[in-house]
Amino acid sequence: MYQMYRSQDSSSIHAAHVNEVHLVPMNVIIRPIPSVLDMNKVQSLMETIRSNPDSEDVPPIDVLWIKGREGGNYFYSFGGCHRYEAYKRLDLSSIPCKLVPSTKQDLEVYLGGSTPDLL
């Protein structure tokens, strides 16, 4: 699917059971909630990523991976907003992610009645 490598032990409670890290294209990640950013933090992350792009100094973001009822793949991210923004501002095509297999019901926890009908 996407390029993969093994993660160090820096993980969230959602992805603690996920060891694989995938380089996921930025353009497939859906971020439905606007981020509130500390630009100093974003800048610091950009410097870290720029100085060593292959480093594991910046932990992967967690992404809910939902398979649509007709086979589509949907990738939703709610956390990691500073890391996501740093990769975006560096104009990088992919970002390290832990893909957390999820369901539409899991997504409803975040989006409630705004949850889209995933095909």
N, C-alpha and C. Protein backbone atom coordinates (compact mmCIF):
# COMPACT_ATOMS: atom_id res chain seq x y z
N MET A 1 0.82 -1.18 0.00
CA MET A 1 0.00 0.00 0.00
C MET A 1 0.87 1.25 0.00
N TYR A 2 1.50 1.56 1.11
CA TYR A 2 2.39 2.71 1.23
C TYR A 2 3.71 2.22 1.80
N GLN A 3 4.76 3.01 1.59
CA GLN A 3 6.06 2.64 2.14
C GLN A 3 5.92 2.50 3.65
N MET A 4 6.61 1.51 4.23
CA MET A 4 6.42 1.21 5.63
C MET A 4 7.75 1.02 6.32
N TYR A 5 7.78 1.36 7.61
CA TYR A 5 8.92 1.04 8.45
C TYR A 5 8.42 0.81 9.87
N ARG A 6 9.26 0.31 10.72
CA ARG A 6 8.88 0.03 12.11
C ARG A 6 9.08 1.28 12.96
N SER A 7 8.20 1.45 13.91
CA SER A 7 8.22 2.63 14.77
C SER A 7 9.00 2.38 16.05
N GLN A 8 9.54 3.47 16.60
CA GLN A 8 10.08 3.42 17.94
C GLN A 8 8.89 3.35 18.89
N ASP A 9 9.07 3.45 20.17
CA ASP A 9 7.99 3.27 21.13
C ASP A 9 7.25 4.57 21.45
N SER A 10 7.22 5.55 20.59
CA SER A 10 6.47 6.78 20.85
C SER A 10 5.12 6.68 20.16
N SER A 11 4.10 6.33 20.92
CA SER A 11 2.78 6.17 20.33
C SER A 11 1.70 6.68 21.25
N SER A 12 0.56 6.95 20.66
CA SER A 12 -0.60 7.40 21.42
C SER A 12 -1.36 6.19 21.94
N ILE A 13 -2.34 6.45 22.76
CA ILE A 13 -3.17 5.37 23.28
C ILE A 13 -3.93 4.67 22.15
N HIS A 14 -4.29 5.43 21.10
CA HIS A 14 -5.03 4.86 19.98
C HIS A 14 -4.18 3.92 19.15
N ALA A 15 -2.90 4.24 19.02
CA ALA A 15 -2.03 3.47 18.13
C ALA A 15 -0.98 2.66 18.88
N ALA A 16 -1.16 2.49 20.18
CA ALA A 16 -0.17 1.76 20.98
C ALA A 16 0.03 0.33 20.47
N HIS A 17 -1.00 -0.25 19.90
CA HIS A 17 -0.91 -1.63 19.39
C HIS A 17 -0.40 -1.70 17.95
N VAL A 18 -0.19 -0.54 17.32
CA VAL A 18 0.25 -0.49 15.93
C VAL A 18 1.75 -0.23 15.89
N ASN A 19 2.51 -1.16 15.31
CA ASN A 19 3.96 -1.01 15.24
C ASN A 19 4.44 -0.47 13.90
N GLU A 20 3.67 -0.71 12.86
CA GLU A 20 4.09 -0.31 11.52
C GLU A 20 3.80 1.17 11.28
N VAL A 21 4.73 1.82 10.62
CA VAL A 21 4.58 3.21 10.23
C VAL A 21 4.62 3.26 8.71
N HIS A 22 3.64 3.93 8.13
CA HIS A 22 3.52 4.04 6.67
C HIS A 22 3.75 5.48 6.26
N LEU A 23 4.40 5.67 5.11
CA LEU A 23 4.51 7.00 4.52
C LEU A 23 3.27 7.17 3.64
N VAL A 24 2.33 7.96 4.14
CA VAL A 24 1.04 8.14 3.48
C VAL A 24 1.04 9.46 2.71
N PRO A 25 0.55 9.46 1.48
CA PRO A 25 0.47 10.71 0.72
C PRO A 25 -0.37 11.75 1.47
N MET A 26 0.15 12.96 1.53
CA MET A 26 -0.55 14.04 2.22
C MET A 26 -1.94 14.28 1.64
N ASN A 27 -2.07 14.11 0.32
CA ASN A 27 -3.32 14.47 -0.33
C ASN A 27 -4.46 13.48 -0.09
N VAL A 28 -4.22 12.36 0.59
CA VAL A 28 -5.31 11.43 0.88
C VAL A 28 -5.79 11.55 2.33
N ILE A 29 -5.10 12.35 3.13
CA ILE A 29 -5.47 12.49 4.54
C ILE A 29 -6.54 13.56 4.69
N ILE A 30 -7.63 13.17 5.34
CA ILE A 30 -8.75 14.07 5.57
C ILE A 30 -8.64 14.60 7.00
N ARG A 31 -8.63 15.93 7.13
CA ARG A 31 -8.57 16.58 8.45
C ARG A 31 -9.79 17.48 8.57
N PRO A 32 -10.91 16.94 9.08
CA PRO A 32 -12.16 17.69 9.07
C PRO A 32 -12.29 18.79 10.13
N ILE A 33 -11.41 18.80 11.11
CA ILE A 33 -11.48 19.80 12.18
C ILE A 33 -10.31 20.76 12.04
N PRO A 34 -10.60 22.07 11.94
CA PRO A 34 -9.51 23.04 11.79
C PRO A 34 -8.55 22.99 12.99
N SER A 35 -7.28 23.15 12.70
CA SER A 35 -6.25 23.10 13.74
C SER A 35 -6.06 24.46 14.39
N VAL A 36 -5.73 24.45 15.67
CA VAL A 36 -5.28 25.64 16.38
C VAL A 36 -3.78 25.42 16.59
N LEU A 37 -2.97 26.26 15.96
CA LEU A 37 -1.53 25.99 15.89
C LEU A 37 -0.69 26.99 16.66
N ASP A 38 0.38 26.49 17.25
CA ASP A 38 1.45 27.31 17.82
C ASP A 38 2.53 27.33 16.74
N MET A 39 2.67 28.48 16.07
CA MET A 39 3.58 28.55 14.92
C MET A 39 5.04 28.34 15.32
N ASN A 40 5.42 28.63 16.56
CA ASN A 40 6.78 28.34 17.01
C ASN A 40 7.03 26.83 17.02
N LYS A 41 6.02 26.09 17.43
CA LYS A 41 6.14 24.63 17.46
C LYS A 41 6.22 24.08 16.03
N VAL A 42 5.40 24.62 15.13
CA VAL A 42 5.44 24.19 13.73
C VAL A 42 6.82 24.47 13.15
N GLN A 43 7.35 25.66 13.41
CA GLN A 43 8.66 26.05 12.89
C GLN A 43 9.76 25.12 13.41
N SER A 44 9.70 24.80 14.70
CA SER A 44 10.68 23.89 15.30
C SER A 44 10.62 22.51 14.65
N LEU A 45 9.42 22.02 14.43
CA LEU A 45 9.25 20.72 13.78
C LEU A 45 9.78 20.76 12.34
N MET A 46 9.52 21.87 11.65
CA MET A 46 10.02 22.01 10.28
C MET A 46 11.54 21.94 10.25
N GLU A 47 12.19 22.59 11.19
CA GLU A 47 13.65 22.55 11.25
C GLU A 47 14.16 21.14 11.51
N THR A 48 13.50 20.44 12.42
CA THR A 48 13.90 19.06 12.73
C THR A 48 13.73 18.17 11.50
N ILE A 49 12.60 18.28 10.83
CA ILE A 49 12.32 17.45 9.65
C ILE A 49 13.29 17.80 8.52
N ARG A 50 13.52 19.09 8.32
CA ARG A 50 14.40 19.55 7.23
C ARG A 50 15.83 19.07 7.45
N SER A 51 16.29 19.08 8.71
CA SER A 51 17.67 18.71 9.00
C SER A 51 17.93 17.22 8.82
N ASN A 52 16.90 16.40 9.00
CA ASN A 52 17.07 14.96 8.86
C ASN A 52 15.72 14.33 8.51
N PRO A 53 15.33 14.38 7.23
CA PRO A 53 14.00 13.91 6.82
C PRO A 53 13.70 12.44 7.13
N ASP A 54 14.74 11.61 7.21
CA ASP A 54 14.52 10.18 7.46
C ASP A 54 14.59 9.82 8.94
N SER A 55 14.75 10.82 9.77
CA SER A 55 14.88 10.59 11.20
C SER A 55 13.54 10.21 11.82
N GLU A 56 13.61 9.47 12.89
CA GLU A 56 12.41 9.15 13.66
C GLU A 56 12.26 10.09 14.85
N ASP A 57 12.92 11.26 14.79
CA ASP A 57 12.82 12.26 15.87
C ASP A 57 11.41 12.83 15.97
N VAL A 58 10.70 12.87 14.86
CA VAL A 58 9.33 13.37 14.86
C VAL A 58 8.41 12.15 14.76
N PRO A 59 7.62 11.90 15.79
CA PRO A 59 6.75 10.71 15.79
C PRO A 59 5.72 10.75 14.67
N PRO A 60 5.26 9.59 14.22
CA PRO A 60 4.23 9.55 13.19
C PRO A 60 2.89 10.07 13.75
N ILE A 61 2.03 10.51 12.85
CA ILE A 61 0.69 10.88 13.28
C ILE A 61 -0.20 9.64 13.22
N ASP A 62 -1.25 9.64 14.02
CA ASP A 62 -2.23 8.55 13.99
C ASP A 62 -3.28 8.89 12.95
N VAL A 63 -3.63 7.90 12.15
CA VAL A 63 -4.64 8.09 11.12
C VAL A 63 -5.64 6.94 11.21
N LEU A 64 -6.92 7.31 11.31
CA LEU A 64 -7.97 6.30 11.27
C LEU A 64 -8.11 5.83 9.82
N TRP A 65 -7.96 4.55 9.61
CA TRP A 65 -8.07 3.96 8.27
C TRP A 65 -9.40 3.23 8.20
N ILE A 66 -10.28 3.76 7.38
CA ILE A 66 -11.63 3.21 7.27
C ILE A 66 -11.84 2.72 5.84
N LYS A 67 -12.30 1.49 5.73
CA LYS A 67 -12.63 0.94 4.41
C LYS A 67 -14.12 1.21 4.16
N GLY A 68 -14.40 1.84 3.04
CA GLY A 68 -15.79 2.12 2.67
C GLY A 68 -16.53 0.85 2.32
N ARG A 69 -17.83 0.93 2.32
CA ARG A 69 -18.64 -0.27 2.07
C ARG A 69 -18.48 -0.80 0.65
N GLU A 70 -17.99 0.04 -0.28
CA GLU A 70 -17.75 -0.42 -1.65
C GLU A 70 -16.27 -0.52 -1.94
N GLY A 71 -15.45 -0.55 -0.89
CA GLY A 71 -14.03 -0.81 -1.06
C GLY A 71 -13.10 0.38 -1.03
N GLY A 72 -13.64 1.59 -0.96
CA GLY A 72 -12.76 2.77 -0.91
C GLY A 72 -11.99 2.83 0.40
N ASN A 73 -10.86 3.50 0.38
CA ASN A 73 -10.07 3.71 1.59
C ASN A 73 -10.18 5.18 1.99
N TYR A 74 -10.42 5.41 3.28
CA TYR A 74 -10.53 6.77 3.81
C TYR A 74 -9.55 6.91 4.97
N PHE A 75 -8.83 8.01 4.99
CA PHE A 75 -7.80 8.24 5.99
C PHE A 75 -8.11 9.54 6.73
N TYR A 76 -8.53 9.42 7.98
CA TYR A 76 -8.91 10.58 8.79
C TYR A 76 -7.88 10.81 9.89
N SER A 77 -7.50 12.06 10.05
CA SER A 77 -6.55 12.43 11.09
C SER A 77 -7.14 13.55 11.94
N PHE A 78 -7.05 13.40 13.25
CA PHE A 78 -7.57 14.40 14.17
C PHE A 78 -6.49 15.00 15.05
N GLY A 79 -5.45 14.25 15.33
CA GLY A 79 -4.33 14.75 16.15
C GLY A 79 -3.13 15.01 15.27
N GLY A 80 -2.03 15.34 15.89
CA GLY A 80 -0.79 15.56 15.14
C GLY A 80 -0.83 16.80 14.27
N CYS A 81 -1.63 17.79 14.70
CA CYS A 81 -1.82 18.96 13.83
C CYS A 81 -0.54 19.74 13.57
N HIS A 82 0.35 19.85 14.55
CA HIS A 82 1.61 20.58 14.33
C HIS A 82 2.53 19.81 13.39
N ARG A 83 2.59 18.50 13.56
CA ARG A 83 3.41 17.67 12.67
C ARG A 83 2.86 17.72 11.25
N TYR A 84 1.55 17.59 11.12
CA TYR A 84 0.93 17.63 9.79
C TYR A 84 1.24 18.97 9.11
N GLU A 85 1.08 20.05 9.85
CA GLU A 85 1.32 21.38 9.28
C GLU A 85 2.77 21.57 8.88
N ALA A 86 3.70 21.03 9.68
CA ALA A 86 5.13 21.13 9.33
C ALA A 86 5.42 20.42 8.02
N TYR A 87 4.91 19.21 7.85
CA TYR A 87 5.12 18.47 6.59
C TYR A 87 4.47 19.22 5.43
N LYS A 88 3.28 19.77 5.66
CA LYS A 88 2.57 20.51 4.62
C LYS A 88 3.36 21.75 4.20
N ARG A 89 3.85 22.52 5.16
CA ARG A 89 4.60 23.74 4.85
C ARG A 89 5.94 23.45 4.18
N LEU A 90 6.49 22.27 4.43
CA LEU A 90 7.72 21.86 3.75
C LEU A 90 7.43 21.30 2.36
N ASP A 91 6.16 21.25 2.01
CA ASP A 91 5.71 20.77 0.70
C ASP A 91 6.17 19.33 0.44
N LEU A 92 6.12 18.51 1.49
CA LEU A 92 6.49 17.10 1.36
C LEU A 92 5.27 16.31 0.88
N SER A 93 5.48 15.33 0.07
CA SER A 93 4.37 14.60 -0.55
C SER A 93 3.76 13.54 0.37
N SER A 94 4.50 13.13 1.41
CA SER A 94 3.97 12.09 2.30
C SER A 94 4.39 12.39 3.74
N ILE A 95 3.72 11.74 4.67
CA ILE A 95 3.96 11.94 6.10
C ILE A 95 3.93 10.57 6.79
N PRO A 96 4.82 10.34 7.76
CA PRO A 96 4.78 9.08 8.51
C PRO A 96 3.50 8.98 9.34
N CYS A 97 2.81 7.85 9.20
CA CYS A 97 1.53 7.64 9.89
C CYS A 97 1.45 6.24 10.46
N LYS A 98 0.77 6.14 11.58
CA LYS A 98 0.35 4.85 12.09
C LYS A 98 -1.10 4.71 11.66
N LEU A 99 -1.37 3.71 10.84
CA LEU A 99 -2.73 3.48 10.36
C LEU A 99 -3.48 2.63 11.37
N VAL A 100 -4.53 3.21 11.93
CA VAL A 100 -5.33 2.54 12.95
C VAL A 100 -6.60 2.03 12.27
N PRO A 101 -6.70 0.70 12.05
CA PRO A 101 -7.91 0.17 11.42
C PRO A 101 -9.14 0.60 12.23
N SER A 102 -10.10 1.20 11.55
CA SER A 102 -11.26 1.78 12.22
C SER A 102 -12.52 1.51 11.43
N THR A 103 -13.65 1.90 12.01
CA THR A 103 -14.95 1.72 11.37
C THR A 103 -15.65 3.07 11.27
N LYS A 104 -16.73 3.09 10.52
CA LYS A 104 -17.54 4.31 10.44
C LYS A 104 -18.05 4.70 11.83
N GLN A 105 -18.35 3.72 12.66
CA GLN A 105 -18.81 4.00 14.02
C GLN A 105 -17.71 4.69 14.84
N ASP A 106 -16.45 4.30 14.63
CA ASP A 106 -15.33 4.98 15.29
C ASP A 106 -15.28 6.44 14.85
N LEU A 107 -15.48 6.67 13.57
CA LEU A 107 -15.45 8.03 13.03
C LEU A 107 -16.58 8.87 13.61
N GLU A 108 -17.73 8.26 13.85
CA GLU A 108 -18.87 8.98 14.42
C GLU A 108 -18.57 9.52 15.82
N VAL A 109 -17.65 8.90 16.53
CA VAL A 109 -17.25 9.41 17.85
C VAL A 109 -16.68 10.83 17.70
N TYR A 110 -15.96 11.06 16.62
CA TYR A 110 -15.34 12.37 16.37
C TYR A 110 -16.28 13.34 15.67
N LEU A 111 -17.07 12.84 14.72
CA LEU A 111 -17.84 13.73 13.85
C LEU A 111 -19.35 13.74 14.11
N GLY A 112 -19.84 12.80 14.93
CA GLY A 112 -21.26 12.77 15.24
C GLY A 112 -22.12 12.72 13.99
N GLY A 113 -23.14 13.58 13.96
CA GLY A 113 -24.07 13.62 12.84
C GLY A 113 -23.46 14.15 11.55
N SER A 114 -22.24 14.68 11.62
CA SER A 114 -21.56 15.18 10.43
C SER A 114 -20.76 14.10 9.71
N THR A 115 -20.83 12.87 10.20
CA THR A 115 -20.08 11.78 9.58
C THR A 115 -20.59 11.52 8.18
N PRO A 116 -19.71 11.54 7.18
CA PRO A 116 -20.15 11.31 5.81
C PRO A 116 -20.50 9.86 5.55
N ASP A 117 -21.28 9.65 4.49
CA ASP A 117 -21.59 8.30 4.04
C ASP A 117 -20.42 7.80 3.22
N LEU A 118 -19.63 6.89 3.75
CA LEU A 118 -18.42 6.42 3.10
C LEU A 118 -18.71 5.29 2.16
N LEU A 119 -18.46 5.51 0.88
CA LEU A 119 -18.72 4.48 -0.13
C LEU A 119 -17.59 3.49 -0.21
